[in-house]
Amino acid sequence: MPKILIVDDEIKIIELAKLYLEREAYRVEGVTNGHDALARLRDLKPDLIVLDLMLPDIDGFDICRQIRVRSDVPILMLTARKDDVDKIVGLEMGADDYLTKPFNPRELVARVRAILRRHQASLQPSTILEVGNLRIDLSRHEATIDAEPMKLRTKEFALLAVLAQNVEIVLTREKLLDLVWGFDYYGETRTVDVHVNHLREKIGGSGAQIETVRGTGYKLVQKTRDSDARRGDAPLRGESSPEPTRMS
């Protein structure tokens, strides 16, 4: 169910939009100021934001700018102003569409539906990988935890991407050397161990975890309550595993 966050200081607007959007099977939440919107963005992780330009604490343009620093979530701007300058500024700051008050709620629903359809079409399969609150954007070569960027070296990102593309699949150290470092690499498999240890420290606060499978290798899993107890010690060489996805 797509999640929509409505940011508007008029409760009646929130209630009206929520009524029509929930009829279309959207999950809708509303806040009345910019500070709450930014806080809710992190917790809710909405699929679309309906953002009023005029708010009591933070200007809608400024909120749009701050959102774009951390997320590419679609934004539909609302305003009572009819000046085209505001529309142009909003779109240049990253808004996906613009709706002027007063509006027909059916038009709001239609615009939300169209924006989400375009956004989904723009996301190529497998370019965005998510495990728990760990998000990996292959096209941008970025990894985030709760929308906070991770500082990863090139090979650390490549290793994390390969593991995320093969969630729950056990990969041997030799296979990881092949997929991440390539056939021409003649280094020790200990290189994999070192990089895995670094990654474990960096993703410790996420919902993902790299487990050691004794006698085989490593796999990335979504963290559960007892997953720490299942994680092994140092990896060992061992049998083959299902054919994994190669990091391109």
C-alpha atoms as a PDB file:
ATOM      1  CA  MET A   1       0.000   0.000   0.000  1.00  0.00           C
ATOM      2  CA  PRO A   2       1.632   3.304  -1.097  1.00  0.00           C
ATOM      3  CA  LYS A   3       2.233   5.745   1.760  1.00  0.00           C
ATOM      4  CA  ILE A   4       1.466   9.436   1.344  1.00  0.00           C
ATOM      5  CA  LEU A   5       2.487  12.226   3.708  1.00  0.00           C
ATOM      6  CA  ILE A   6       0.402  15.422   3.544  1.00  0.00           C
ATOM      7  CA  VAL A   7       2.011  18.588   4.905  1.00  0.00           C
ATOM      8  CA  ASP A   8      -0.492  21.439   5.276  1.00  0.00           C
ATOM      9  CA  ASP A   9      -1.372  23.829   8.096  1.00  0.00           C
ATOM     10  CA  GLU A  10      -5.079  23.565   7.234  1.00  0.00           C
ATOM     11  CA  ILE A  11      -6.595  20.554   8.979  1.00  0.00           C
ATOM     12  CA  LYS A  12      -9.595  20.611   6.648  1.00  0.00           C
ATOM     13  CA  ILE A  13      -7.309  20.213   3.622  1.00  0.00           C
ATOM     14  CA  ILE A  14      -5.580  17.233   5.227  1.00  0.00           C
ATOM     15  CA  GLU A  15      -8.890  15.602   6.132  1.00  0.00           C
ATOM     16  CA  LEU A  16     -10.354  16.140   2.659  1.00  0.00           C
ATOM     17  CA  ALA A  17      -7.273  14.804   0.868  1.00  0.00           C
ATOM     18  CA  LYS A  18      -7.046  11.867   3.252  1.00  0.00           C
ATOM     19  CA  LEU A  19     -10.707  10.974   2.637  1.00  0.00           C
ATOM     20  CA  TYR A  20     -10.304  10.764  -1.131  1.00  0.00           C
ATOM     21  CA  LEU A  21      -6.860   9.173  -1.158  1.00  0.00           C
ATOM     22  CA  GLU A  22      -7.775   6.456   1.332  1.00  0.00           C
ATOM     23  CA  ARG A  23     -10.685   5.511  -0.942  1.00  0.00           C
ATOM     24  CA  GLU A  24      -8.009   4.644  -3.513  1.00  0.00           C
ATOM     25  CA  ALA A  25      -6.214   2.354  -1.034  1.00  0.00           C
ATOM     26  CA  TYR A  26      -3.432   4.778  -0.139  1.00  0.00           C
ATOM     27  CA  ARG A  27      -2.127   4.967   3.406  1.00  0.00           C
ATOM     28  CA  VAL A  28      -2.237   8.642   4.370  1.00  0.00           C
ATOM     29  CA  GLU A  29      -0.730  10.603   7.243  1.00  0.00           C
ATOM     30  CA  GLY A  30      -0.856  14.347   7.797  1.00  0.00           C
ATOM     31  CA  VAL A  31       1.258  16.913   9.656  1.00  0.00           C
ATOM     32  CA  THR A  32       0.702  20.661   9.991  1.00  0.00           C
ATOM     33  CA  ASN A  33       4.232  22.086  10.016  1.00  0.00           C
ATOM     34  CA  GLY A  34       7.641  21.683   8.424  1.00  0.00           C
ATOM     35  CA  HIS A  35       9.531  20.345  11.437  1.00  0.00           C
ATOM     36  CA  ASP A  36       7.077  17.479  11.860  1.00  0.00           C
ATOM     37  CA  ALA A  37       7.238  16.806   8.121  1.00  0.00           C
ATOM     38  CA  LEU A  38      11.021  16.371   8.151  1.00  0.00           C
ATOM     39  CA  ALA A  39      10.845  14.142  11.217  1.00  0.00           C
ATOM     40  CA  ARG A  40       8.047  12.027   9.745  1.00  0.00           C
ATOM     41  CA  LEU A  41       9.896  11.669   6.448  1.00  0.00           C
ATOM     42  CA  ARG A  42      12.565   9.589   8.142  1.00  0.00           C
ATOM     43  CA  ASP A  43      10.161   7.382  10.105  1.00  0.00           C
ATOM     44  CA  LEU A  44       7.354   6.897   7.600  1.00  0.00           C
ATOM     45  CA  LYS A  45       9.447   6.731   4.406  1.00  0.00           C
ATOM     46  CA  PRO A  46       6.503   7.884   2.271  1.00  0.00           C
ATOM     47  CA  ASP A  47       6.118   7.053  -1.399  1.00  0.00           C
ATOM     48  CA  LEU A  48       4.881  10.599  -2.096  1.00  0.00           C
ATOM     49  CA  ILE A  49       4.644  13.921  -0.243  1.00  0.00           C
ATOM     50  CA  VAL A  50       1.882  16.479  -0.748  1.00  0.00           C
ATOM     51  CA  LEU A  51       3.567  19.682   0.422  1.00  0.00           C
ATOM     52  CA  ASP A  52       1.896  23.051   1.025  1.00  0.00           C
ATOM     53  CA  LEU A  53       4.045  26.044   0.166  1.00  0.00           C
ATOM     54  CA  MET A  54       2.813  28.265   3.017  1.00  0.00           C
ATOM     55  CA  LEU A  55       3.545  26.743   6.434  1.00  0.00           C
ATOM     56  CA  PRO A  56       3.803  28.381   9.862  1.00  0.00           C
ATOM     57  CA  ASP A  57       7.418  27.504  10.623  1.00  0.00           C
ATOM     58  CA  ILE A  58       9.436  26.558   7.513  1.00  0.00           C
ATOM     59  CA  ASP A  59       8.841  27.738   3.971  1.00  0.00           C
ATOM     60  CA  GLY A  60       7.669  24.968   1.643  1.00  0.00           C
ATOM     61  CA  PHE A  61      10.524  25.740  -0.767  1.00  0.00           C
ATOM     62  CA  ASP A  62      13.039  25.218   2.036  1.00  0.00           C
ATOM     63  CA  ILE A  63      11.417  21.925   3.036  1.00  0.00           C
ATOM     64  CA  CYS A  64      11.523  20.770  -0.571  1.00  0.00           C
ATOM     65  CA  ARG A  65      15.214  21.658  -0.719  1.00  0.00           C
ATOM     66  CA  GLN A  66      15.965  19.726   2.484  1.00  0.00           C
ATOM     67  CA  ILE A  67      14.013  16.690   1.319  1.00  0.00           C
ATOM     68  CA  ARG A  68      15.916  16.602  -1.960  1.00  0.00           C
ATOM     69  CA  VAL A  69      19.218  16.437  -0.074  1.00  0.00           C
ATOM     70  CA  ARG A  70      18.241  13.123   1.467  1.00  0.00           C
ATOM     71  CA  SER A  71      15.567  11.569  -0.740  1.00  0.00           C
ATOM     72  CA  ASP A  72      14.139  11.382  -4.265  1.00  0.00           C
ATOM     73  CA  VAL A  73      10.583  10.844  -2.989  1.00  0.00           C
ATOM     74  CA  PRO A  74       8.043  12.475  -5.350  1.00  0.00           C
ATOM     75  CA  ILE A  75       6.686  15.834  -4.166  1.00  0.00           C
ATOM     76  CA  LEU A  76       3.369  17.422  -5.156  1.00  0.00           C
ATOM     77  CA  MET A  77       3.341  21.119  -4.215  1.00  0.00           C
ATOM     78  CA  LEU A  78       0.177  22.846  -2.979  1.00  0.00           C
ATOM     79  CA  THR A  79      -0.318  26.596  -2.822  1.00  0.00           C
ATOM     80  CA  ALA A  80      -3.003  29.276  -2.805  1.00  0.00           C
ATOM     81  CA  ARG A  81      -0.746  31.501  -4.917  1.00  0.00           C
ATOM     82  CA  LYS A  82      -1.518  31.694  -8.602  1.00  0.00           C
ATOM     83  CA  ASP A  83       1.812  33.255  -9.589  1.00  0.00           C
ATOM     84  CA  ASP A  84       3.705  31.163 -12.158  1.00  0.00           C
ATOM     85  CA  VAL A  85       6.988  32.222 -10.555  1.00  0.00           C
ATOM     86  CA  ASP A  86       6.230  30.086  -7.492  1.00  0.00           C
ATOM     87  CA  LYS A  87       5.410  27.156  -9.707  1.00  0.00           C
ATOM     88  CA  ILE A  88       8.659  27.494 -11.626  1.00  0.00           C
ATOM     89  CA  VAL A  89      10.745  27.843  -8.456  1.00  0.00           C
ATOM     90  CA  GLY A  90       9.090  24.815  -6.893  1.00  0.00           C
ATOM     91  CA  LEU A  91       9.698  22.640  -9.932  1.00  0.00           C
ATOM     92  CA  GLU A  92      13.316  23.793 -10.168  1.00  0.00           C
ATOM     93  CA  MET A  93      13.852  22.863  -6.524  1.00  0.00           C
ATOM     94  CA  GLY A  94      12.734  19.319  -7.224  1.00  0.00           C
ATOM     95  CA  ALA A  95       8.947  19.239  -6.951  1.00  0.00           C
ATOM     96  CA  ASP A  96       7.333  16.785  -9.389  1.00  0.00           C
ATOM     97  CA  ASP A  97       4.041  18.612  -9.863  1.00  0.00           C
ATOM     98  CA  TYR A  98       2.067  21.620  -8.692  1.00  0.00           C
ATOM     99  CA  LEU A  99      -1.589  22.050  -7.663  1.00  0.00           C
ATOM    100  CA  THR A 100      -3.265  25.382  -6.884  1.00  0.00           C
ATOM    101  CA  LYS A 101      -5.809  25.813  -4.083  1.00  0.00           C
ATOM    102  CA  PRO A 102      -8.730  25.502  -4.080  1.00  0.00           C
ATOM    103  CA  PHE A 103      -8.574  22.207  -5.943  1.00  0.00           C
ATOM    104  CA  ASN A 104     -10.908  19.391  -6.847  1.00  0.00           C
ATOM    105  CA  PRO A 105      -9.965  16.402  -4.650  1.00  0.00           C
ATOM    106  CA  ARG A 106     -10.478  14.118  -7.647  1.00  0.00           C
ATOM    107  CA  GLU A 107      -7.774  16.057  -9.482  1.00  0.00           C
ATOM    108  CA  LEU A 108      -5.486  15.586  -6.475  1.00  0.00           C
ATOM    109  CA  VAL A 109      -6.045  11.815  -6.636  1.00  0.00           C
ATOM    110  CA  ALA A 110      -5.410  11.792 -10.392  1.00  0.00           C
ATOM    111  CA  ARG A 111      -2.170  13.748 -10.033  1.00  0.00           C
ATOM    112  CA  VAL A 112      -0.965  11.521  -7.179  1.00  0.00           C
ATOM    113  CA  ARG A 113      -1.684   8.433  -9.238  1.00  0.00           C
ATOM    114  CA  ALA A 114       0.136   9.850 -12.272  1.00  0.00           C
ATOM    115  CA  ILE A 115       3.185  10.939 -10.264  1.00  0.00           C
ATOM    116  CA  LEU A 116       3.532   7.529  -8.605  1.00  0.00           C
ATOM    117  CA  ARG A 117       3.126   5.799 -11.965  1.00  0.00           C
ATOM    118  CA  ARG A 118       5.887   7.910 -13.531  1.00  0.00           C
ATOM    119  CA  HIS A 119       8.159   7.452 -10.520  1.00  0.00           C
ATOM    120  CA  GLN A 120       7.792   3.678 -10.546  1.00  0.00           C
ATOM    121  CA  ALA A 121       8.467   3.567 -14.284  1.00  0.00           C
ATOM    122  CA  SER A 122      11.681   5.540 -13.773  1.00  0.00           C
ATOM    123  CA  LEU A 123      13.051   2.997 -11.314  1.00  0.00           C
ATOM    124  CA  GLN A 124      14.753   0.213 -13.198  1.00  0.00           C
ATOM    125  CA  PRO A 125      14.441  -3.215 -11.594  1.00  0.00           C
ATOM    126  CA  SER A 126      17.338  -4.044  -9.268  1.00  0.00           C
ATOM    127  CA  THR A 127      18.816  -0.510  -9.325  1.00  0.00           C
ATOM    128  CA  ILE A 128      17.474   0.054  -5.794  1.00  0.00           C
ATOM    129  CA  LEU A 129      18.210  -2.660  -3.246  1.00  0.00           C
ATOM    130  CA  GLU A 130      16.781  -2.611   0.269  1.00  0.00           C
ATOM    131  CA  VAL A 131      17.510  -4.884   3.218  1.00  0.00           C
ATOM    132  CA  GLY A 132      15.936  -3.641   6.434  1.00  0.00           C
ATOM    133  CA  ASN A 133      16.656   0.094   6.559  1.00  0.00           C
ATOM    134  CA  LEU A 134      19.772  -0.334   4.412  1.00  0.00           C
ATOM    135  CA  ARG A 135      19.203   1.110   0.930  1.00  0.00           C
ATOM    136  CA  ILE A 136      21.637   0.675  -1.960  1.00  0.00           C
ATOM    137  CA  ASP A 137      21.288   2.737  -5.138  1.00  0.00           C
ATOM    138  CA  LEU A 138      23.349   1.012  -7.816  1.00  0.00           C
ATOM    139  CA  SER A 139      22.823   3.721 -10.421  1.00  0.00           C
ATOM    140  CA  ARG A 140      24.074   6.473  -8.092  1.00  0.00           C
ATOM    141  CA  HIS A 141      26.669   4.274  -6.402  1.00  0.00           C
ATOM    142  CA  GLU A 142      25.279   5.267  -2.998  1.00  0.00           C
ATOM    143  CA  ALA A 143      24.321   3.400   0.163  1.00  0.00           C
ATOM    144  CA  THR A 144      22.275   4.840   3.022  1.00  0.00           C
ATOM    145  CA  ILE A 145      20.971   3.771   6.423  1.00  0.00           C
ATOM    146  CA  ASP A 146      17.749   5.583   7.382  1.00  0.00           C
ATOM    147  CA  ALA A 147      18.503   8.032   4.536  1.00  0.00           C
ATOM    148  CA  GLU A 148      21.914   8.847   6.054  1.00  0.00           C
ATOM    149  CA  PRO A 149      24.761   8.342   3.527  1.00  0.00           C
ATOM    150  CA  MET A 150      27.354   5.696   4.305  1.00  0.00           C
ATOM    151  CA  LYS A 151      31.041   6.346   3.751  1.00  0.00           C
ATOM    152  CA  LEU A 152      32.209   3.360   1.727  1.00  0.00           C
ATOM    153  CA  ARG A 153      35.339   2.717  -0.281  1.00  0.00           C
ATOM    154  CA  THR A 154      34.902   1.522  -3.854  1.00  0.00           C
ATOM    155  CA  LYS A 155      35.420  -2.163  -3.101  1.00  0.00           C
ATOM    156  CA  GLU A 156      33.336  -1.980   0.065  1.00  0.00           C
ATOM    157  CA  PHE A 157      30.408  -0.666  -1.958  1.00  0.00           C
ATOM    158  CA  ALA A 158      30.922  -3.307  -4.659  1.00  0.00           C
ATOM    159  CA  LEU A 159      31.057  -6.079  -2.048  1.00  0.00           C
ATOM    160  CA  LEU A 160      27.945  -4.790  -0.264  1.00  0.00           C
ATOM    161  CA  ALA A 161      26.106  -4.533  -3.596  1.00  0.00           C
ATOM    162  CA  VAL A 162      26.961  -8.123  -4.550  1.00  0.00           C
ATOM    163  CA  LEU A 163      25.796  -9.411  -1.165  1.00  0.00           C
ATOM    164  CA  ALA A 164      22.585  -7.359  -1.418  1.00  0.00           C
ATOM    165  CA  GLN A 165      21.901  -8.680  -4.921  1.00  0.00           C
ATOM    166  CA  ASN A 166      22.164 -12.188  -3.508  1.00  0.00           C
ATOM    167  CA  VAL A 167      20.294 -11.872  -0.206  1.00  0.00           C
ATOM    168  CA  GLU A 168      20.094 -15.166   1.716  1.00  0.00           C
ATOM    169  CA  ILE A 169      22.464 -16.793  -0.804  1.00  0.00           C
ATOM    170  CA  VAL A 170      25.747 -18.084   0.606  1.00  0.00           C
ATOM    171  CA  LEU A 171      28.792 -16.884  -1.326  1.00  0.00           C
ATOM    172  CA  THR A 172      32.259 -18.367  -0.855  1.00  0.00           C
ATOM    173  CA  ARG A 173      35.243 -16.088  -0.461  1.00  0.00           C
ATOM    174  CA  GLU A 174      36.561 -17.328  -3.795  1.00  0.00           C
ATOM    175  CA  LYS A 175      33.272 -16.444  -5.466  1.00  0.00           C
ATOM    176  CA  LEU A 176      33.297 -12.973  -3.895  1.00  0.00           C
ATOM    177  CA  LEU A 177      36.857 -12.416  -5.112  1.00  0.00           C
ATOM    178  CA  ASP A 178      35.658 -13.316  -8.600  1.00  0.00           C
ATOM    179  CA  LEU A 179      32.530 -11.111  -8.502  1.00  0.00           C
ATOM    180  CA  VAL A 180      34.059  -8.053  -6.837  1.00  0.00           C
ATOM    181  CA  TRP A 181      37.766  -8.097  -7.676  1.00  0.00           C
ATOM    182  CA  GLY A 182      37.571 -10.026 -10.969  1.00  0.00           C
ATOM    183  CA  PHE A 183      39.352 -12.994 -12.517  1.00  0.00           C
ATOM    184  CA  ASP A 184      42.640 -11.079 -12.791  1.00  0.00           C
ATOM    185  CA  TYR A 185      42.985 -10.581  -9.048  1.00  0.00           C
ATOM    186  CA  TYR A 186      45.675 -12.782  -7.490  1.00  0.00           C
ATOM    187  CA  GLY A 187      45.411 -11.634  -3.878  1.00  0.00           C
ATOM    188  CA  GLU A 188      44.608 -13.703  -0.799  1.00  0.00           C
ATOM    189  CA  THR A 189      41.017 -14.557   0.114  1.00  0.00           C
ATOM    190  CA  ARG A 190      41.843 -12.848   3.400  1.00  0.00           C
ATOM    191  CA  THR A 191      41.100  -9.631   1.494  1.00  0.00           C
ATOM    192  CA  VAL A 192      37.425 -10.597   1.544  1.00  0.00           C
ATOM    193  CA  ASP A 193      37.528 -11.187   5.298  1.00  0.00           C
ATOM    194  CA  VAL A 194      38.993  -7.731   5.926  1.00  0.00           C
ATOM    195  CA  HIS A 195      36.372  -6.000   3.760  1.00  0.00           C
ATOM    196  CA  VAL A 196      33.536  -7.993   5.348  1.00  0.00           C
ATOM    197  CA  ASN A 197      34.705  -6.955   8.814  1.00  0.00           C
ATOM    198  CA  HIS A 198      34.742  -3.314   7.751  1.00  0.00           C
ATOM    199  CA  LEU A 199      31.236  -3.625   6.294  1.00  0.00           C
ATOM    200  CA  ARG A 200      29.917  -5.281   9.431  1.00  0.00           C
ATOM    201  CA  GLU A 201      31.011  -2.261  11.452  1.00  0.00           C
ATOM    202  CA  LYS A 202      29.471   0.191   8.994  1.00  0.00           C
ATOM    203  CA  ILE A 203      26.077  -1.532   8.640  1.00  0.00           C
ATOM    204  CA  GLY A 204      25.778  -2.360  12.327  1.00  0.00           C
ATOM    205  CA  GLY A 205      22.963   0.146  12.802  1.00  0.00           C
ATOM    206  CA  SER A 206      20.918  -1.128   9.878  1.00  0.00           C
ATOM    207  CA  GLY A 207      18.409  -3.941   9.550  1.00  0.00           C
ATOM    208  CA  ALA A 208      20.931  -5.947   7.527  1.00  0.00           C
ATOM    209  CA  GLN A 209      23.616  -8.304   8.751  1.00  0.00           C
ATOM    210  CA  ILE A 210      26.431 -10.257   7.129  1.00  0.00           C
ATOM    211  CA  GLU A 211      26.430 -13.785   8.489  1.00  0.00           C
ATOM    212  CA  THR A 212      29.231 -16.310   8.350  1.00  0.00           C
ATOM    213  CA  VAL A 213      28.121 -19.773   7.257  1.00  0.00           C
ATOM    214  CA  ARG A 214      30.631 -22.240   8.626  1.00  0.00           C
ATOM    215  CA  GLY A 215      32.430 -24.253   6.030  1.00  0.00           C
ATOM    216  CA  THR A 216      31.051 -22.166   3.175  1.00  0.00           C
ATOM    217  CA  GLY A 217      31.262 -18.359   3.247  1.00  0.00           C
ATOM    218  CA  TYR A 218      29.093 -15.306   3.773  1.00  0.00           C
ATOM    219  CA  LYS A 219      25.525 -14.196   3.170  1.00  0.00           C
ATOM    220  CA  LEU A 220      23.585 -10.987   3.727  1.00  0.00           C
ATOM    221  CA  VAL A 221      20.345 -11.372   5.678  1.00  0.00           C
ATOM    222  CA  GLN A 222      17.736  -9.136   7.238  1.00  0.00           C
ATOM    223  CA  LYS A 223      18.470  -8.890  10.933  1.00  0.00           C
ATOM    224  CA  THR A 224      16.127 -10.694  13.318  1.00  0.00           C
ATOM    225  CA  ARG A 225      16.008 -10.916  17.082  1.00  0.00           C
ATOM    226  CA  ASP A 226      18.147 -14.039  17.237  1.00  0.00           C
ATOM    227  CA  SER A 227      20.347 -13.431  14.169  1.00  0.00           C
ATOM    228  CA  ASP A 228      23.312 -12.339  16.280  1.00  0.00           C
ATOM    229  CA  ALA A 229      23.340 -15.726  17.939  1.00  0.00           C
ATOM    230  CA  ARG A 230      23.363 -17.494  14.575  1.00  0.00           C
ATOM    231  CA  ARG A 231      26.284 -15.551  13.139  1.00  0.00           C
ATOM    232  CA  GLY A 232      29.471 -17.598  13.030  1.00  0.00           C
ATOM    233  CA  ASP A 233      33.111 -16.747  13.559  1.00  0.00           C
ATOM    234  CA  ALA A 234      35.784 -16.616  10.862  1.00  0.00           C
ATOM    235  CA  PRO A 235      34.694 -17.927   7.452  1.00  0.00           C
ATOM    236  CA  LEU A 236      35.965 -21.206   6.075  1.00  0.00           C
ATOM    237  CA  ARG A 237      36.393 -22.499   2.559  1.00  0.00           C
ATOM    238  CA  GLY A 238      33.821 -24.985   1.464  1.00  0.00           C
ATOM    239  CA  GLU A 239      31.213 -26.205  -0.906  1.00  0.00           C
ATOM    240  CA  SER A 240      29.606 -24.360  -3.814  1.00  0.00           C
ATOM    241  CA  SER A 241      26.510 -22.190  -3.551  1.00  0.00           C
ATOM    242  CA  PRO A 242      23.708 -21.133  -5.938  1.00  0.00           C
ATOM    243  CA  GLU A 243      24.918 -19.117  -8.929  1.00  0.00           C
ATOM    244  CA  PRO A 244      25.095 -15.521  -7.667  1.00  0.00           C
ATOM    245  CA  THR A 245      24.533 -12.202  -9.340  1.00  0.00           C
ATOM    246  CA  ARG A 246      27.686 -10.513 -10.567  1.00  0.00           C
ATOM    247  CA  MET A 247      28.357  -6.854  -9.681  1.00  0.00           C
ATOM    248  CA  SER A 248      28.517  -4.953 -12.977  1.00  0.00           C
END
